[in-house]
Amino acid sequence: MATKIKIKKGDNVRVIAGSHKGTEGNVLSVSRETNKAIVEGVNLVKKHNKPNAQNPQGGITEKEAPIHISNLSLLTSDGKTTRVGYRMEDDTKVRFSKKTDEVI
């Protein structure tokens, strides 16, 4: 059962739990089915590639692995973590920071 995901692609987030705690980055993609997000520069894993036509040498590459949404917190413009709320403004639904009350 997928929960309401309040983090979107392009958001600046900080990891608040796990081995990458404290690191920050931009969200590259969000998977609603698994409640996970891929964050730039966070949770890097090494992938062994077989030689093929595009990469005749093969080798080891690093790429970002998904991290659970519950371990991420949105950053405000001044670099502090905040929770996200929704409200209606001029007949449009907007996200806002619960800490600073500014529209995101």
C-alpha atoms as a PDB file:
ATOM      1  CA  MET A   1       0.000   0.000   0.000  1.00  0.00           C
ATOM      2  CA  ALA A   2       1.574   3.254  -1.140  1.00  0.00           C
ATOM      3  CA  THR A   3       1.437   6.179   1.270  1.00  0.00           C
ATOM      4  CA  LYS A   4       1.246   9.858   0.426  1.00  0.00           C
ATOM      5  CA  ILE A   5       4.687  10.868  -0.845  1.00  0.00           C
ATOM      6  CA  LYS A   6       5.436  14.515  -0.084  1.00  0.00           C
ATOM      7  CA  ILE A   7       8.882  14.564  -1.696  1.00  0.00           C
ATOM      8  CA  LYS A   8       9.045  15.226  -5.428  1.00  0.00           C
ATOM      9  CA  LYS A   9      11.653  15.076  -8.192  1.00  0.00           C
ATOM     10  CA  GLY A  10      13.973  18.086  -8.028  1.00  0.00           C
ATOM     11  CA  ASP A  11      13.563  18.681  -4.269  1.00  0.00           C
ATOM     12  CA  ASN A  12      16.636  19.292  -2.135  1.00  0.00           C
ATOM     13  CA  VAL A  13      16.649  16.747   0.719  1.00  0.00           C
ATOM     14  CA  ARG A  14      18.795  15.595   3.647  1.00  0.00           C
ATOM     15  CA  VAL A  15      19.154  11.969   4.771  1.00  0.00           C
ATOM     16  CA  ILE A  16      17.994  11.755   8.415  1.00  0.00           C
ATOM     17  CA  ALA A  17      18.633   8.053   9.129  1.00  0.00           C
ATOM     18  CA  GLY A  18      20.932   5.238   8.078  1.00  0.00           C
ATOM     19  CA  SER A  19      24.574   5.016   7.078  1.00  0.00           C
ATOM     20  CA  HIS A  20      24.330   8.136   4.880  1.00  0.00           C
ATOM     21  CA  LYS A  21      22.812  10.292   7.635  1.00  0.00           C
ATOM     22  CA  GLY A  22      23.487  14.016   7.202  1.00  0.00           C
ATOM     23  CA  THR A  23      24.238  13.958   3.477  1.00  0.00           C
ATOM     24  CA  GLU A  24      22.252  16.207   1.145  1.00  0.00           C
ATOM     25  CA  GLY A  25      21.326  16.077  -2.515  1.00  0.00           C
ATOM     26  CA  ASN A  26      18.680  16.591  -5.180  1.00  0.00           C
ATOM     27  CA  VAL A  27      16.004  13.982  -5.799  1.00  0.00           C
ATOM     28  CA  LEU A  28      16.510  12.435  -9.246  1.00  0.00           C
ATOM     29  CA  SER A  29      13.445  10.184  -9.243  1.00  0.00           C
ATOM     30  CA  VAL A  30      10.696   8.897  -6.946  1.00  0.00           C
ATOM     31  CA  SER A  31       9.078   5.452  -7.079  1.00  0.00           C
ATOM     32  CA  ARG A  32       5.529   5.547  -5.705  1.00  0.00           C
ATOM     33  CA  GLU A  33       5.183   1.742  -5.761  1.00  0.00           C
ATOM     34  CA  THR A  34       8.171   1.050  -3.492  1.00  0.00           C
ATOM     35  CA  ASN A  35       8.169   4.368  -1.527  1.00  0.00           C
ATOM     36  CA  LYS A  36      11.806   4.961  -2.500  1.00  0.00           C
ATOM     37  CA  ALA A  37      13.716   7.811  -4.081  1.00  0.00           C
ATOM     38  CA  ILE A  38      17.056   8.124  -5.839  1.00  0.00           C
ATOM     39  CA  VAL A  39      19.074  11.044  -4.453  1.00  0.00           C
ATOM     40  CA  GLU A  40      22.073  12.508  -6.265  1.00  0.00           C
ATOM     41  CA  GLY A  41      25.343  11.458  -4.605  1.00  0.00           C
ATOM     42  CA  VAL A  42      23.681   9.419  -1.833  1.00  0.00           C
ATOM     43  CA  ASN A  43      23.739   5.628  -1.349  1.00  0.00           C
ATOM     44  CA  LEU A  44      26.297   4.970  -4.100  1.00  0.00           C
ATOM     45  CA  VAL A  45      26.816   1.318  -5.032  1.00  0.00           C
ATOM     46  CA  LYS A  46      29.397  -0.277  -7.314  1.00  0.00           C
ATOM     47  CA  LYS A  47      28.040  -2.106 -10.358  1.00  0.00           C
ATOM     48  CA  HIS A  48      30.180  -4.612 -12.284  1.00  0.00           C
ATOM     49  CA  ASN A  49      29.585  -4.321 -16.035  1.00  0.00           C
ATOM     50  CA  LYS A  50      30.343  -6.987 -18.602  1.00  0.00           C
ATOM     51  CA  PRO A  51      32.062  -5.821 -21.778  1.00  0.00           C
ATOM     52  CA  ASN A  52      29.562  -5.021 -24.561  1.00  0.00           C
ATOM     53  CA  ALA A  53      29.323  -2.966 -27.751  1.00  0.00           C
ATOM     54  CA  GLN A  54      28.801   0.357 -25.941  1.00  0.00           C
ATOM     55  CA  ASN A  55      31.441  -0.376 -23.293  1.00  0.00           C
ATOM     56  CA  PRO A  56      34.038  -2.769 -24.793  1.00  0.00           C
ATOM     57  CA  GLN A  57      36.280  -2.522 -21.725  1.00  0.00           C
ATOM     58  CA  GLY A  58      33.610  -3.387 -19.131  1.00  0.00           C
ATOM     59  CA  GLY A  59      34.586  -2.458 -15.596  1.00  0.00           C
ATOM     60  CA  ILE A  60      33.079  -1.137 -12.376  1.00  0.00           C
ATOM     61  CA  THR A  61      30.785   1.902 -12.290  1.00  0.00           C
ATOM     62  CA  GLU A  62      29.208   3.727  -9.375  1.00  0.00           C
ATOM     63  CA  LYS A  63      25.525   4.616  -9.401  1.00  0.00           C
ATOM     64  CA  GLU A  64      22.909   5.777  -6.913  1.00  0.00           C
ATOM     65  CA  ALA A  65      20.687   3.151  -5.317  1.00  0.00           C
ATOM     66  CA  PRO A  66      17.169   3.933  -4.040  1.00  0.00           C
ATOM     67  CA  ILE A  67      16.693   5.084  -0.449  1.00  0.00           C
ATOM     68  CA  HIS A  68      13.418   4.898   1.491  1.00  0.00           C
ATOM     69  CA  ILE A  69      11.293   8.056   1.622  1.00  0.00           C
ATOM     70  CA  SER A  70      11.010   7.854   5.430  1.00  0.00           C
ATOM     71  CA  ASN A  71      14.778   8.426   5.686  1.00  0.00           C
ATOM     72  CA  LEU A  72      14.591  11.741   3.783  1.00  0.00           C
ATOM     73  CA  SER A  73      13.604  15.210   4.980  1.00  0.00           C
ATOM     74  CA  LEU A  74      12.952  18.220   2.778  1.00  0.00           C
ATOM     75  CA  LEU A  75      15.293  21.220   3.106  1.00  0.00           C
ATOM     76  CA  THR A  76      14.052  24.810   3.215  1.00  0.00           C
ATOM     77  CA  SER A  77      15.779  27.635   1.371  1.00  0.00           C
ATOM     78  CA  ASP A  78      17.940  28.389   4.446  1.00  0.00           C
ATOM     79  CA  GLY A  79      19.128  24.761   4.693  1.00  0.00           C
ATOM     80  CA  LYS A  80      17.016  23.495   7.604  1.00  0.00           C
ATOM     81  CA  THR A  81      14.908  20.354   7.533  1.00  0.00           C
ATOM     82  CA  THR A  82      11.131  20.671   7.572  1.00  0.00           C
ATOM     83  CA  ARG A  83       7.941  18.697   7.254  1.00  0.00           C
ATOM     84  CA  VAL A  84       5.641  19.288   4.291  1.00  0.00           C
ATOM     85  CA  GLY A  85       1.996  20.331   4.378  1.00  0.00           C
ATOM     86  CA  TYR A  86      -0.600  21.084   1.733  1.00  0.00           C
ATOM     87  CA  ARG A  87      -3.091  23.938   1.548  1.00  0.00           C
ATOM     88  CA  MET A  88      -5.258  25.714  -0.991  1.00  0.00           C
ATOM     89  CA  GLU A  89      -4.211  29.153  -2.243  1.00  0.00           C
ATOM     90  CA  ASP A  90      -6.254  30.869  -4.954  1.00  0.00           C
ATOM     91  CA  ASP A  91      -7.951  27.589  -5.951  1.00  0.00           C
ATOM     92  CA  THR A  92      -4.604  25.793  -6.369  1.00  0.00           C
ATOM     93  CA  LYS A  93      -3.111  23.173  -4.076  1.00  0.00           C
ATOM     94  CA  VAL A  94       0.387  24.167  -2.892  1.00  0.00           C
ATOM     95  CA  ARG A  95       3.043  22.536  -0.723  1.00  0.00           C
ATOM     96  CA  PHE A  96       4.360  24.544   2.205  1.00  0.00           C
ATOM     97  CA  SER A  97       7.033  24.217   4.868  1.00  0.00           C
ATOM     98  CA  LYS A  98       5.505  23.521   8.280  1.00  0.00           C
ATOM     99  CA  LYS A  99       8.532  25.097   9.993  1.00  0.00           C
ATOM    100  CA  THR A 100       8.713  28.413   8.102  1.00  0.00           C
ATOM    101  CA  ASP A 101       5.184  28.463   6.566  1.00  0.00           C
ATOM    102  CA  GLU A 102       6.646  29.383   3.152  1.00  0.00           C
ATOM    103  CA  VAL A 103       5.316  27.932  -0.111  1.00  0.00           C
ATOM    104  CA  ILE A 104       7.696  25.399  -1.647  1.00  0.00           C
END
